Amino acid sequence: MILDVSTPVELTFSEIEKAKARVQGYASQTPLLNFPVLDERVNGRVFIKAENLQRTGSFKFRGAFNRLSLIPQEQRAAGVVACSSGNHAQGVAAAAKILGFPAVIVMPEDAPALKIQRTKALGAEVVLYDREHEDREEIAKRICKERGATFIHPYNDSGVIVGQGTAGLEIAEQCEVLGVTPDLLISCAGGGGLTGGVALALEEKLPDCKIYTSEPAGFDDYARSLAAGKRVRNAALGGSVCDAVLTETPGDKGFSILSRRHAQGLVVTDEEALNAVAFAYFELKLVVEPGAAVALAAVLSNKIDIEGKTAVIMISGGNVDPAIFERALKQYGDVRTSA
């Protein structure tokens, strides 16, 4: 049996405030950045929440640290188990190292080598699996049963979601300081833990801000689910460069929040995601991985019109595979040369 929630956590704004207190001093308060070159490109005002500058290189550290902090002392020696293609893996591994208990991470064999290496470097034990033929949660269940460990779901865990919601609370606070009232927020979406948590925070602080998810084509389960009013599945389990946001179906917890917020979904191609990676590097001086660039890609490829509006875009991570990064920069260079 997987020990899923050691301490019950409600999906409420007050729990996000508690999570903020827990992660303070461990998670970074990432900047909310504005770039004239991007504003001019879209004829609007765009602010980027740069979670690629977060500890371990992605927003995942927030949710992981908050969730692990909720585990009672008597259960910590048995450790934790998580499933991840890399960012949740590193977040859980780093949080476990700080809090002093063991971590086992079940990772796909085709995960970027850099993410696997960094997860191991943080002290976690890595178990690889074939995402096309093996069920990662079944593997995790077996390990949890053998060791009595606590399972940390990457996105469908309330403790994780409210931890990710601290990014949304920061956005609201930063917008207030800047005197900005955003019309909309676009977030990279896999299972919906980040977008759900941020939407929950903004529901309290910026209730009129419209929420959009962004995903790669072929893995747009959130867009299709929001349109259908029920959770649907992707046909494929792999095959996109946007590895950080490839999930089979939305988590029910995040989906319930985003459905209540009447969120809508945007979809971009892998090529558009790679162009966004290169744009972020050349024009914004930010290093971003493809899955974390899909929200930026939606704006750059005109999947949504933000002319005359103020938008916040989540850049969710910067753990890009060097070969993929090189491909993105070359592709963008070719496009600019031929333009």
C-alpha atoms as a PDB file:
ATOM      1  CA  MET A   1       0.000   0.000   0.000  1.00  0.00           C
ATOM      2  CA  ILE A   2       1.265   3.479  -0.935  1.00  0.00           C
ATOM      3  CA  LEU A   3       1.290   5.966   1.916  1.00  0.00           C
ATOM      4  CA  ASP A   4      -0.111   8.845  -0.116  1.00  0.00           C
ATOM      5  CA  VAL A   5      -0.976  11.597   2.344  1.00  0.00           C
ATOM      6  CA  SER A   6       0.606  11.396   5.786  1.00  0.00           C
ATOM      7  CA  THR A   7      -0.934  14.667   6.927  1.00  0.00           C
ATOM      8  CA  PRO A   8      -4.256  15.685   5.332  1.00  0.00           C
ATOM      9  CA  VAL A   9      -4.027  18.973   3.430  1.00  0.00           C
ATOM     10  CA  GLU A  10      -6.991  20.862   2.021  1.00  0.00           C
ATOM     11  CA  LEU A  11      -6.795  22.654  -1.300  1.00  0.00           C
ATOM     12  CA  THR A  12      -7.313  26.130   0.136  1.00  0.00           C
ATOM     13  CA  PHE A  13      -5.590  29.494  -0.007  1.00  0.00           C
ATOM     14  CA  SER A  14      -4.762  29.276   3.709  1.00  0.00           C
ATOM     15  CA  GLU A  15      -2.802  26.081   3.045  1.00  0.00           C
ATOM     16  CA  ILE A  16      -0.792  27.911   0.391  1.00  0.00           C
ATOM     17  CA  GLU A  17       0.065  30.546   2.996  1.00  0.00           C
ATOM     18  CA  LYS A  18       1.199  27.780   5.374  1.00  0.00           C
ATOM     19  CA  ALA A  19       3.267  26.247   2.576  1.00  0.00           C
ATOM     20  CA  LYS A  20       4.918  29.606   1.986  1.00  0.00           C
ATOM     21  CA  ALA A  21       6.075  29.648   5.602  1.00  0.00           C
ATOM     22  CA  ARG A  22       7.464  26.102   5.270  1.00  0.00           C
ATOM     23  CA  VAL A  23       9.464  26.695   2.091  1.00  0.00           C
ATOM     24  CA  GLN A  24      10.738  30.134   3.126  1.00  0.00           C
ATOM     25  CA  GLY A  25      14.497  30.063   3.393  1.00  0.00           C
ATOM     26  CA  TYR A  26      14.731  26.958   1.221  1.00  0.00           C
ATOM     27  CA  ALA A  27      12.904  27.807  -2.018  1.00  0.00           C
ATOM     28  CA  SER A  28      13.930  30.944  -3.904  1.00  0.00           C
ATOM     29  CA  GLN A  29      11.535  33.811  -4.469  1.00  0.00           C
ATOM     30  CA  THR A  30      11.935  33.934  -8.224  1.00  0.00           C
ATOM     31  CA  PRO A  31      11.683  37.243 -10.101  1.00  0.00           C
ATOM     32  CA  LEU A  32       8.746  38.480 -12.183  1.00  0.00           C
ATOM     33  CA  LEU A  33      10.494  39.862 -15.256  1.00  0.00           C
ATOM     34  CA  ASN A  34       9.394  42.236 -17.998  1.00  0.00           C
ATOM     35  CA  PHE A  35      11.211  42.556 -21.328  1.00  0.00           C
ATOM     36  CA  PRO A  36      10.507  45.389 -23.799  1.00  0.00           C
ATOM     37  CA  VAL A  37      11.544  43.145 -26.717  1.00  0.00           C
ATOM     38  CA  LEU A  38       8.759  40.697 -25.829  1.00  0.00           C
ATOM     39  CA  ASP A  39       6.201  43.439 -25.193  1.00  0.00           C
ATOM     40  CA  GLU A  40       6.947  44.908 -28.619  1.00  0.00           C
ATOM     41  CA  ARG A  41       6.706  41.498 -30.259  1.00  0.00           C
ATOM     42  CA  VAL A  42       3.146  40.876 -28.986  1.00  0.00           C
ATOM     43  CA  ASN A  43       1.882  44.478 -28.633  1.00  0.00           C
ATOM     44  CA  GLY A  44       1.020  43.821 -25.026  1.00  0.00           C
ATOM     45  CA  ARG A  45       2.656  43.738 -21.611  1.00  0.00           C
ATOM     46  CA  VAL A  46       4.168  40.422 -20.557  1.00  0.00           C
ATOM     47  CA  PHE A  47       5.664  39.427 -17.211  1.00  0.00           C
ATOM     48  CA  ILE A  48       7.607  36.188 -16.909  1.00  0.00           C
ATOM     49  CA  LYS A  49       7.675  34.239 -13.660  1.00  0.00           C
ATOM     50  CA  ALA A  50      11.152  32.768 -13.962  1.00  0.00           C
ATOM     51  CA  GLU A  51      10.937  29.424 -12.154  1.00  0.00           C
ATOM     52  CA  ASN A  52      13.902  28.244 -14.224  1.00  0.00           C
ATOM     53  CA  LEU A  53      15.862  30.193 -11.596  1.00  0.00           C
ATOM     54  CA  GLN A  54      14.318  28.164  -8.768  1.00  0.00           C
ATOM     55  CA  ARG A  55      16.382  25.765  -6.659  1.00  0.00           C
ATOM     56  CA  THR A  56      17.077  22.570  -8.687  1.00  0.00           C
ATOM     57  CA  GLY A  57      16.129  24.515 -11.827  1.00  0.00           C
ATOM     58  CA  SER A  58      12.346  24.233 -11.694  1.00  0.00           C
ATOM     59  CA  PHE A  59       9.201  24.996  -9.693  1.00  0.00           C
ATOM     60  CA  LYS A  60       9.075  21.371  -8.550  1.00  0.00           C
ATOM     61  CA  PHE A  61      11.230  22.064  -5.499  1.00  0.00           C
ATOM     62  CA  ARG A  62       8.417  24.123  -3.965  1.00  0.00           C
ATOM     63  CA  GLY A  63       5.865  21.312  -3.939  1.00  0.00           C
ATOM     64  CA  ALA A  64       8.385  18.628  -3.059  1.00  0.00           C
ATOM     65  CA  PHE A  65       9.775  20.446  -0.029  1.00  0.00           C
ATOM     66  CA  ASN A  66       6.333  21.356   1.262  1.00  0.00           C
ATOM     67  CA  ARG A  67       5.033  17.801   0.859  1.00  0.00           C
ATOM     68  CA  LEU A  68       8.062  16.157   2.462  1.00  0.00           C
ATOM     69  CA  SER A  69       7.878  18.612   5.359  1.00  0.00           C
ATOM     70  CA  LEU A  70       4.429  17.203   6.181  1.00  0.00           C
ATOM     71  CA  ILE A  71       5.717  13.654   6.695  1.00  0.00           C
ATOM     72  CA  PRO A  72       5.798  12.759  10.426  1.00  0.00           C
ATOM     73  CA  GLN A  73       9.227  12.187  11.950  1.00  0.00           C
ATOM     74  CA  GLU A  74       8.485   8.518  12.666  1.00  0.00           C
ATOM     75  CA  GLN A  75       7.925   7.819   8.950  1.00  0.00           C
ATOM     76  CA  ARG A  76      10.961   9.620   7.567  1.00  0.00           C
ATOM     77  CA  ALA A  77      13.490   6.827   8.078  1.00  0.00           C
ATOM     78  CA  ALA A  78      11.575   4.699   5.544  1.00  0.00           C
ATOM     79  CA  GLY A  79      12.064   7.432   2.979  1.00  0.00           C
ATOM     80  CA  VAL A  80      10.063   8.558  -0.026  1.00  0.00           C
ATOM     81  CA  VAL A  81       9.427   7.296  -3.551  1.00  0.00           C
ATOM     82  CA  ALA A  82       8.589   9.471  -6.548  1.00  0.00           C
ATOM     83  CA  CYS A  83       8.002   9.064 -10.291  1.00  0.00           C
ATOM     84  CA  SER A  84       9.437  11.699 -12.611  1.00  0.00           C
ATOM     85  CA  SER A  85      11.146  12.424 -15.923  1.00  0.00           C
ATOM     86  CA  GLY A  86      13.490  14.728 -14.078  1.00  0.00           C
ATOM     87  CA  ASN A  87      12.271  17.960 -12.479  1.00  0.00           C
ATOM     88  CA  HIS A  88      10.091  16.409  -9.766  1.00  0.00           C
ATOM     89  CA  ALA A  89      12.892  13.885  -9.322  1.00  0.00           C
ATOM     90  CA  GLN A  90      15.420  16.593  -8.542  1.00  0.00           C
ATOM     91  CA  GLY A  91      12.977  18.506  -6.363  1.00  0.00           C
ATOM     92  CA  VAL A  92      12.188  15.456  -4.229  1.00  0.00           C
ATOM     93  CA  ALA A  93      15.844  14.399  -4.077  1.00  0.00           C
ATOM     94  CA  ALA A  94      16.951  17.863  -2.932  1.00  0.00           C
ATOM     95  CA  ALA A  95      14.170  18.163  -0.363  1.00  0.00           C
ATOM     96  CA  ALA A  96      14.912  14.689   1.017  1.00  0.00           C
ATOM     97  CA  LYS A  97      18.596  15.535   1.311  1.00  0.00           C
ATOM     98  CA  ILE A  98      17.828  18.736   3.220  1.00  0.00           C
ATOM     99  CA  LEU A  99      15.323  17.038   5.527  1.00  0.00           C
ATOM    100  CA  GLY A 100      17.541  14.007   6.061  1.00  0.00           C
ATOM    101  CA  PHE A 101      15.778  10.930   4.719  1.00  0.00           C
ATOM    102  CA  PRO A 102      16.295   8.591   1.750  1.00  0.00           C
ATOM    103  CA  ALA A 103      14.640   8.968  -1.660  1.00  0.00           C
ATOM    104  CA  VAL A 104      14.032   6.550  -4.533  1.00  0.00           C
ATOM    105  CA  ILE A 105      13.076   8.052  -7.896  1.00  0.00           C
ATOM    106  CA  VAL A 106      11.476   6.016 -10.690  1.00  0.00           C
ATOM    107  CA  MET A 107      12.579   7.657 -13.949  1.00  0.00           C
ATOM    108  CA  PRO A 108      11.993   6.797 -17.640  1.00  0.00           C
ATOM    109  CA  GLU A 109      14.996   5.451 -19.516  1.00  0.00           C
ATOM    110  CA  ASP A 110      14.574   8.194 -22.127  1.00  0.00           C
ATOM    111  CA  ALA A 111      14.673  11.024 -19.585  1.00  0.00           C
ATOM    112  CA  PRO A 112      17.402  13.592 -20.361  1.00  0.00           C
ATOM    113  CA  ALA A 113      20.720  12.185 -19.153  1.00  0.00           C
ATOM    114  CA  LEU A 114      21.497  15.435 -17.356  1.00  0.00           C
ATOM    115  CA  LYS A 115      18.359  15.127 -15.214  1.00  0.00           C
ATOM    116  CA  ILE A 116      19.189  11.519 -14.290  1.00  0.00           C
ATOM    117  CA  GLN A 117      22.756  12.490 -13.374  1.00  0.00           C
ATOM    118  CA  ARG A 118      21.661  15.428 -11.239  1.00  0.00           C
ATOM    119  CA  THR A 119      19.059  13.348  -9.414  1.00  0.00           C
ATOM    120  CA  LYS A 120      21.746  10.824  -8.498  1.00  0.00           C
ATOM    121  CA  ALA A 121      24.130  13.626  -7.521  1.00  0.00           C
ATOM    122  CA  LEU A 122      21.537  14.855  -5.012  1.00  0.00           C
ATOM    123  CA  GLY A 123      21.776  11.502  -3.257  1.00  0.00           C
ATOM    124  CA  ALA A 124      18.670   9.753  -4.571  1.00  0.00           C
ATOM    125  CA  GLU A 125      18.531   6.155  -5.747  1.00  0.00           C
ATOM    126  CA  VAL A 126      17.305   6.059  -9.359  1.00  0.00           C
ATOM    127  CA  VAL A 127      15.265   3.174 -10.792  1.00  0.00           C
ATOM    128  CA  LEU A 128      14.858   3.350 -14.587  1.00  0.00           C
ATOM    129  CA  TYR A 129      11.839   2.018 -16.522  1.00  0.00           C
ATOM    130  CA  ASP A 130      10.514   1.774 -20.099  1.00  0.00           C
ATOM    131  CA  ARG A 131       7.687   4.326 -20.351  1.00  0.00           C
ATOM    132  CA  GLU A 132       6.177   2.561 -23.378  1.00  0.00           C
ATOM    133  CA  HIS A 133       5.881  -0.864 -21.759  1.00  0.00           C
ATOM    134  CA  GLU A 134       6.077  -0.450 -17.973  1.00  0.00           C
ATOM    135  CA  ASP A 135       3.817   1.275 -15.438  1.00  0.00           C
ATOM    136  CA  ARG A 136       5.877   3.629 -13.299  1.00  0.00           C
ATOM    137  CA  GLU A 137       3.303   3.801 -10.516  1.00  0.00           C
ATOM    138  CA  GLU A 138       3.197   0.019 -10.248  1.00  0.00           C
ATOM    139  CA  ILE A 139       6.978   0.042  -9.830  1.00  0.00           C
ATOM    140  CA  ALA A 140       6.666   2.775  -7.210  1.00  0.00           C
ATOM    141  CA  LYS A 141       3.949   0.831  -5.362  1.00  0.00           C
ATOM    142  CA  ARG A 142       6.186  -2.208  -5.161  1.00  0.00           C
ATOM    143  CA  ILE A 143       9.081  -0.186  -3.742  1.00  0.00           C
ATOM    144  CA  CYS A 144       6.808   1.548  -1.228  1.00  0.00           C
ATOM    145  CA  LYS A 145       5.424  -1.790  -0.076  1.00  0.00           C
ATOM    146  CA  GLU A 146       8.894  -3.267   0.323  1.00  0.00           C
ATOM    147  CA  ARG A 147      10.294  -0.308   2.260  1.00  0.00           C
ATOM    148  CA  GLY A 148       7.263   1.255   3.916  1.00  0.00           C
ATOM    149  CA  ALA A 149       8.113   4.485   2.119  1.00  0.00           C
ATOM    150  CA  THR A 150       5.822   7.431   1.402  1.00  0.00           C
ATOM    151  CA  PHE A 151       4.835   8.013  -2.225  1.00  0.00           C
ATOM    152  CA  ILE A 152       5.122  11.610  -3.474  1.00  0.00           C
ATOM    153  CA  HIS A 153       2.929  12.031  -6.530  1.00  0.00           C
ATOM    154  CA  PRO A 154       4.352  14.617  -8.961  1.00  0.00           C
ATOM    155  CA  TYR A 155       1.105  16.555  -9.383  1.00  0.00           C
ATOM    156  CA  ASN A 156      -1.963  14.874  -7.874  1.00  0.00           C
ATOM    157  CA  ASP A 157      -1.076  15.385  -4.209  1.00  0.00           C
ATOM    158  CA  SER A 158      -2.651  18.236  -2.248  1.00  0.00           C
ATOM    159  CA  GLY A 159       0.559  18.928  -0.327  1.00  0.00           C
ATOM    160  CA  VAL A 160       2.461  19.226  -3.591  1.00  0.00           C
ATOM    161  CA  ILE A 161      -0.207  21.422  -5.219  1.00  0.00           C
ATOM    162  CA  VAL A 162      -0.331  23.980  -2.404  1.00  0.00           C
ATOM    163  CA  GLY A 163       3.459  24.027  -2.425  1.00  0.00           C
ATOM    164  CA  GLN A 164       3.417  24.918  -6.122  1.00  0.00           C
ATOM    165  CA  GLY A 165       0.762  27.494  -5.280  1.00  0.00           C
ATOM    166  CA  THR A 166       3.407  29.531  -3.465  1.00  0.00           C
ATOM    167  CA  ALA A 167       4.585  30.621  -6.934  1.00  0.00           C
ATOM    168  CA  GLY A 168       1.112  32.044  -7.552  1.00  0.00           C
ATOM    169  CA  LEU A 169       1.131  33.832  -4.215  1.00  0.00           C
ATOM    170  CA  GLU A 170       4.472  35.400  -5.133  1.00  0.00           C
ATOM    171  CA  ILE A 171       3.073  36.498  -8.502  1.00  0.00           C
ATOM    172  CA  ALA A 172       0.166  38.262  -6.798  1.00  0.00           C
ATOM    173  CA  GLU A 173       2.457  39.966  -4.300  1.00  0.00           C
ATOM    174  CA  GLN A 174       4.927  41.017  -6.998  1.00  0.00           C
ATOM    175  CA  CYS A 175       2.151  42.368  -9.217  1.00  0.00           C
ATOM    176  CA  GLU A 176       0.873  44.433  -6.296  1.00  0.00           C
ATOM    177  CA  VAL A 177       4.311  45.955  -5.745  1.00  0.00           C
ATOM    178  CA  LEU A 178       4.591  46.741  -9.465  1.00  0.00           C
ATOM    179  CA  GLY A 179       1.085  48.177  -9.612  1.00  0.00           C
ATOM    180  CA  VAL A 180       0.125  45.612 -12.254  1.00  0.00           C
ATOM    181  CA  THR A 181      -3.214  43.823 -12.627  1.00  0.00           C
ATOM    182  CA  PRO A 182      -2.795  40.929 -15.096  1.00  0.00           C
ATOM    183  CA  ASP A 183      -5.648  40.051 -17.432  1.00  0.00           C
ATOM    184  CA  LEU A 184      -4.447  36.499 -17.885  1.00  0.00           C
ATOM    185  CA  LEU A 185      -1.908  33.899 -16.853  1.00  0.00           C
ATOM    186  CA  ILE A 186      -0.527  31.151 -19.094  1.00  0.00           C
ATOM    187  CA  SER A 187       1.098  28.153 -17.441  1.00  0.00           C
ATOM    188  CA  CYS A 188       2.930  25.107 -18.758  1.00  0.00           C
ATOM    189  CA  ALA A 189       0.771  22.095 -17.909  1.00  0.00           C
ATOM    190  CA  GLY A 190       1.501  18.415 -17.499  1.00  0.00           C
ATOM    191  CA  GLY A 191      -0.636  16.915 -14.770  1.00  0.00           C
ATOM    192  CA  GLY A 192      -1.735  20.345 -13.566  1.00  0.00           C
ATOM    193  CA  GLY A 193      -0.056  20.615 -10.168  1.00  0.00           C
ATOM    194  CA  LEU A 194       1.607  23.940 -10.944  1.00  0.00           C
ATOM    195  CA  THR A 195      -1.285  25.485 -12.848  1.00  0.00           C
ATOM    196  CA  GLY A 196      -3.795  24.253 -10.279  1.00  0.00           C
ATOM    197  CA  GLY A 197      -1.790  25.624  -7.367  1.00  0.00           C
ATOM    198  CA  VAL A 198      -1.184  28.974  -9.046  1.00  0.00           C
ATOM    199  CA  ALA A 199      -4.862  29.225 -10.049  1.00  0.00           C
ATOM    200  CA  LEU A 200      -5.871  28.509  -6.451  1.00  0.00           C
ATOM    201  CA  ALA A 201      -3.640  31.326  -5.188  1.00  0.00           C
ATOM    202  CA  LEU A 202      -4.875  33.780  -7.813  1.00  0.00           C
ATOM    203  CA  GLU A 203      -8.500  32.857  -7.123  1.00  0.00           C
ATOM    204  CA  GLU A 204      -8.041  34.627  -3.794  1.00  0.00           C
ATOM    205  CA  LYS A 205      -5.658  37.418  -4.803  1.00  0.00           C
ATOM    206  CA  LEU A 206      -6.490  38.125  -8.485  1.00  0.00           C
ATOM    207  CA  PRO A 207      -9.913  36.553  -9.090  1.00  0.00           C
ATOM    208  CA  ASP A 208     -10.475  38.261 -12.456  1.00  0.00           C
ATOM    209  CA  CYS A 209      -7.240  36.913 -13.950  1.00  0.00           C
ATOM    210  CA  LYS A 210      -8.076  34.389 -16.688  1.00  0.00           C
ATOM    211  CA  ILE A 211      -6.141  31.087 -16.523  1.00  0.00           C
ATOM    212  CA  TYR A 212      -4.769  29.228 -19.555  1.00  0.00           C
ATOM    213  CA  THR A 213      -2.816  25.992 -19.769  1.00  0.00           C
ATOM    214  CA  SER A 214      -0.310  25.375 -22.565  1.00  0.00           C
ATOM    215  CA  GLU A 215       0.819  21.961 -23.822  1.00  0.00           C
ATOM    216  CA  PRO A 216       2.600  20.296 -26.753  1.00  0.00           C
ATOM    217  CA  ALA A 217       0.518  18.919 -29.622  1.00  0.00           C
ATOM    218  CA  GLY A 218      -0.340  15.254 -29.172  1.00  0.00           C
ATOM    219  CA  PHE A 219      -0.127  15.656 -25.397  1.00  0.00           C
ATOM    220  CA  ASP A 220      -2.869  18.267 -24.998  1.00  0.00           C
ATOM    221  CA  ASP A 221      -4.939  16.260 -22.532  1.00  0.00           C
ATOM    222  CA  TYR A 222      -5.592  19.366 -20.435  1.00  0.00           C
ATOM    223  CA  ALA A 223      -6.895  21.438 -23.347  1.00  0.00           C
ATOM    224  CA  ARG A 224      -9.167  18.621 -24.465  1.00  0.00           C
ATOM    225  CA  SER A 225     -10.280  17.844 -20.902  1.00  0.00           C
ATOM    226  CA  LEU A 226     -11.168  21.463 -20.143  1.00  0.00           C
ATOM    227  CA  ALA A 227     -13.117  21.691 -23.402  1.00  0.00           C
ATOM    228  CA  ALA A 228     -14.948  18.415 -22.720  1.00  0.00           C
ATOM    229  CA  GLY A 229     -15.649  19.119 -19.059  1.00  0.00           C
ATOM    230  CA  LYS A 230     -14.113  15.787 -18.056  1.00  0.00           C
ATOM    231  CA  ARG A 231     -10.652  14.278 -17.905  1.00  0.00           C
ATOM    232  CA  VAL A 232      -9.485  12.598 -21.113  1.00  0.00           C
ATOM    233  CA  ARG A 233      -6.289  10.703 -21.943  1.00  0.00           C
ATOM    234  CA  ASN A 234      -3.469  11.051 -24.415  1.00  0.00           C
ATOM    235  CA  ALA A 235      -2.988   8.223 -26.905  1.00  0.00           C
ATOM    236  CA  ALA A 236       0.814   8.359 -26.712  1.00  0.00           C
ATOM    237  CA  LEU A 237       3.052   8.269 -23.648  1.00  0.00           C
ATOM    238  CA  GLY A 238       6.184   9.700 -25.254  1.00  0.00           C
ATOM    239  CA  GLY A 239       7.576  11.239 -28.409  1.00  0.00           C
ATOM    240  CA  SER A 240       7.788  14.988 -27.729  1.00  0.00           C
ATOM    241  CA  VAL A 241      10.833  17.084 -26.854  1.00  0.00           C
ATOM    242  CA  CYS A 242       8.702  18.618 -24.090  1.00  0.00           C
ATOM    243  CA  ASP A 243       9.447  15.771 -21.653  1.00  0.00           C
ATOM    244  CA  ALA A 244       8.692  17.863 -18.562  1.00  0.00           C
ATOM    245  CA  VAL A 245       4.957  18.114 -19.384  1.00  0.00           C
ATOM    246  CA  LEU A 246       4.135  14.677 -20.807  1.00  0.00           C
ATOM    247  CA  THR A 247       1.415  13.086 -18.689  1.00  0.00           C
ATOM    248  CA  GLU A 248      -1.263  10.556 -19.546  1.00  0.00           C
ATOM    249  CA  THR A 249      -4.192  12.542 -18.163  1.00  0.00           C
ATOM    250  CA  PRO A 250      -4.808  15.535 -15.877  1.00  0.00           C
ATOM    251  CA  GLY A 251      -4.766  14.911 -12.142  1.00  0.00           C
ATOM    252  CA  ASP A 252      -8.259  15.116 -10.675  1.00  0.00           C
ATOM    253  CA  LYS A 253      -7.225  17.618  -7.984  1.00  0.00           C
ATOM    254  CA  GLY A 254      -5.734  20.188 -10.317  1.00  0.00           C
ATOM    255  CA  PHE A 255      -8.506  19.617 -12.854  1.00  0.00           C
ATOM    256  CA  SER A 256     -11.157  20.392 -10.252  1.00  0.00           C
ATOM    257  CA  ILE A 257      -9.511  23.755  -9.529  1.00  0.00           C
ATOM    258  CA  LEU A 258      -9.029  24.679 -13.185  1.00  0.00           C
ATOM    259  CA  SER A 259     -12.549  23.623 -14.112  1.00  0.00           C
ATOM    260  CA  ARG A 260     -13.904  25.839 -11.351  1.00  0.00           C
ATOM    261  CA  ARG A 261     -11.771  28.705 -12.674  1.00  0.00           C
ATOM    262  CA  HIS A 262     -13.098  28.107 -16.223  1.00  0.00           C
ATOM    263  CA  ALA A 263      -9.549  27.713 -17.516  1.00  0.00           C
ATOM    264  CA  GLN A 264      -8.897  27.162 -21.226  1.00  0.00           C
ATOM    265  CA  GLY A 265      -6.152  25.239 -22.998  1.00  0.00           C
ATOM    266  CA  LEU A 266      -3.599  26.287 -25.634  1.00  0.00           C
ATOM    267  CA  VAL A 267      -1.546  23.909 -27.790  1.00  0.00           C
ATOM    268  CA  VAL A 268       1.842  24.391 -29.473  1.00  0.00           C
ATOM    269  CA  THR A 269       4.043  22.234 -31.683  1.00  0.00           C
ATOM    270  CA  ASP A 270       7.465  20.932 -30.715  1.00  0.00           C
ATOM    271  CA  GLU A 271       8.963  23.286 -33.281  1.00  0.00           C
ATOM    272  CA  GLU A 272       7.215  26.253 -31.660  1.00  0.00           C
ATOM    273  CA  ALA A 273       8.430  25.134 -28.230  1.00  0.00           C
ATOM    274  CA  LEU A 274      12.013  24.909 -29.509  1.00  0.00           C
ATOM    275  CA  ASN A 275      11.721  28.351 -31.089  1.00  0.00           C
ATOM    276  CA  ALA A 276      10.588  29.672 -27.695  1.00  0.00           C
ATOM    277  CA  VAL A 277      13.626  28.050 -26.042  1.00  0.00           C
ATOM    278  CA  ALA A 278      15.878  29.851 -28.506  1.00  0.00           C
ATOM    279  CA  PHE A 279      13.976  33.157 -28.221  1.00  0.00           C
ATOM    280  CA  ALA A 280      14.353  33.020 -24.440  1.00  0.00           C
ATOM    281  CA  TYR A 281      18.096  32.493 -24.817  1.00  0.00           C
ATOM    282  CA  PHE A 282      18.861  34.993 -27.571  1.00  0.00           C
ATOM    283  CA  GLU A 283      16.402  37.747 -26.676  1.00  0.00           C
ATOM    284  CA  LEU A 284      15.693  37.354 -22.932  1.00  0.00           C
ATOM    285  CA  LYS A 285      19.000  35.789 -21.818  1.00  0.00           C
ATOM    286  CA  LEU A 286      17.137  32.936 -20.063  1.00  0.00           C
ATOM    287  CA  VAL A 287      17.901  29.217 -20.277  1.00  0.00           C
ATOM    288  CA  VAL A 288      14.629  27.304 -20.591  1.00  0.00           C
ATOM    289  CA  GLU A 289      13.769  23.670 -21.359  1.00  0.00           C
ATOM    290  CA  PRO A 290      11.168  22.906 -24.083  1.00  0.00           C
ATOM    291  CA  GLY A 291       8.394  21.735 -21.739  1.00  0.00           C
ATOM    292  CA  ALA A 292       8.865  24.864 -19.653  1.00  0.00           C
ATOM    293  CA  ALA A 293       8.716  27.075 -22.742  1.00  0.00           C
ATOM    294  CA  VAL A 294       5.277  26.041 -24.021  1.00  0.00           C
ATOM    295  CA  ALA A 295       3.531  29.002 -22.356  1.00  0.00           C
ATOM    296  CA  LEU A 296       5.993  31.422 -23.966  1.00  0.00           C
ATOM    297  CA  ALA A 297       5.589  29.515 -27.235  1.00  0.00           C
ATOM    298  CA  ALA A 298       1.824  30.038 -27.142  1.00  0.00           C
ATOM    299  CA  VAL A 299       2.347  33.797 -27.032  1.00  0.00           C
ATOM    300  CA  LEU A 300       5.125  33.913 -29.622  1.00  0.00           C
ATOM    301  CA  SER A 301       3.156  31.733 -32.081  1.00  0.00           C
ATOM    302  CA  ASN A 302      -0.035  33.778 -31.690  1.00  0.00           C
ATOM    303  CA  LYS A 303      -2.077  30.990 -30.110  1.00  0.00           C
ATOM    304  CA  ILE A 304      -3.617  33.720 -27.990  1.00  0.00           C
ATOM    305  CA  ASP A 305      -4.050  37.416 -28.673  1.00  0.00           C
ATOM    306  CA  ILE A 306      -2.679  39.587 -25.890  1.00  0.00           C
ATOM    307  CA  GLU A 307      -2.564  42.880 -27.773  1.00  0.00           C
ATOM    308  CA  GLY A 308      -3.318  45.661 -25.314  1.00  0.00           C
ATOM    309  CA  LYS A 309      -3.464  43.211 -22.418  1.00  0.00           C
ATOM    310  CA  THR A 310      -1.226  42.344 -19.483  1.00  0.00           C
ATOM    311  CA  ALA A 311      -0.164  38.701 -19.230  1.00  0.00           C
ATOM    312  CA  VAL A 312       1.884  36.616 -16.827  1.00  0.00           C
ATOM    313  CA  ILE A 313       3.721  33.649 -18.319  1.00  0.00           C
ATOM    314  CA  MET A 314       5.106  30.772 -16.281  1.00  0.00           C
ATOM    315  CA  ILE A 315       8.590  29.631 -17.297  1.00  0.00           C
ATOM    316  CA  SER A 316       8.606  26.469 -15.246  1.00  0.00           C
ATOM    317  CA  GLY A 317      12.133  25.092 -15.588  1.00  0.00           C
ATOM    318  CA  GLY A 318      15.585  25.379 -17.107  1.00  0.00           C
ATOM    319  CA  ASN A 319      16.946  21.826 -17.015  1.00  0.00           C
ATOM    320  CA  VAL A 320      17.425  21.506 -20.747  1.00  0.00           C
ATOM    321  CA  ASP A 321      19.338  18.639 -22.335  1.00  0.00           C
ATOM    322  CA  PRO A 322      22.450  20.081 -24.077  1.00  0.00           C
ATOM    323  CA  ALA A 323      21.695  18.299 -27.378  1.00  0.00           C
ATOM    324  CA  ILE A 324      18.110  19.574 -27.396  1.00  0.00           C
ATOM    325  CA  PHE A 325      19.334  23.062 -26.516  1.00  0.00           C
ATOM    326  CA  GLU A 326      21.788  22.998 -29.422  1.00  0.00           C
ATOM    327  CA  ARG A 327      18.991  21.836 -31.741  1.00  0.00           C
ATOM    328  CA  ALA A 328      16.767  24.705 -30.604  1.00  0.00           C
ATOM    329  CA  LEU A 329      19.448  27.348 -31.106  1.00  0.00           C
ATOM    330  CA  LYS A 330      20.379  26.034 -34.557  1.00  0.00           C
ATOM    331  CA  GLN A 331      16.731  25.835 -35.626  1.00  0.00           C
ATOM    332  CA  TYR A 332      16.115  29.405 -34.511  1.00  0.00           C
ATOM    333  CA  GLY A 333      19.284  30.576 -36.242  1.00  0.00           C
ATOM    334  CA  ASP A 334      18.152  28.922 -39.477  1.00  0.00           C
ATOM    335  CA  VAL A 335      14.738  30.598 -39.218  1.00  0.00           C
ATOM    336  CA  ARG A 336      16.291  34.042 -38.645  1.00  0.00           C
ATOM    337  CA  THR A 337      18.768  33.569 -41.514  1.00  0.00           C
ATOM    338  CA  SER A 338      16.043  32.574 -43.971  1.00  0.00           C
ATOM    339  CA  ALA A 339      13.628  35.311 -42.849  1.00  0.00           C
END
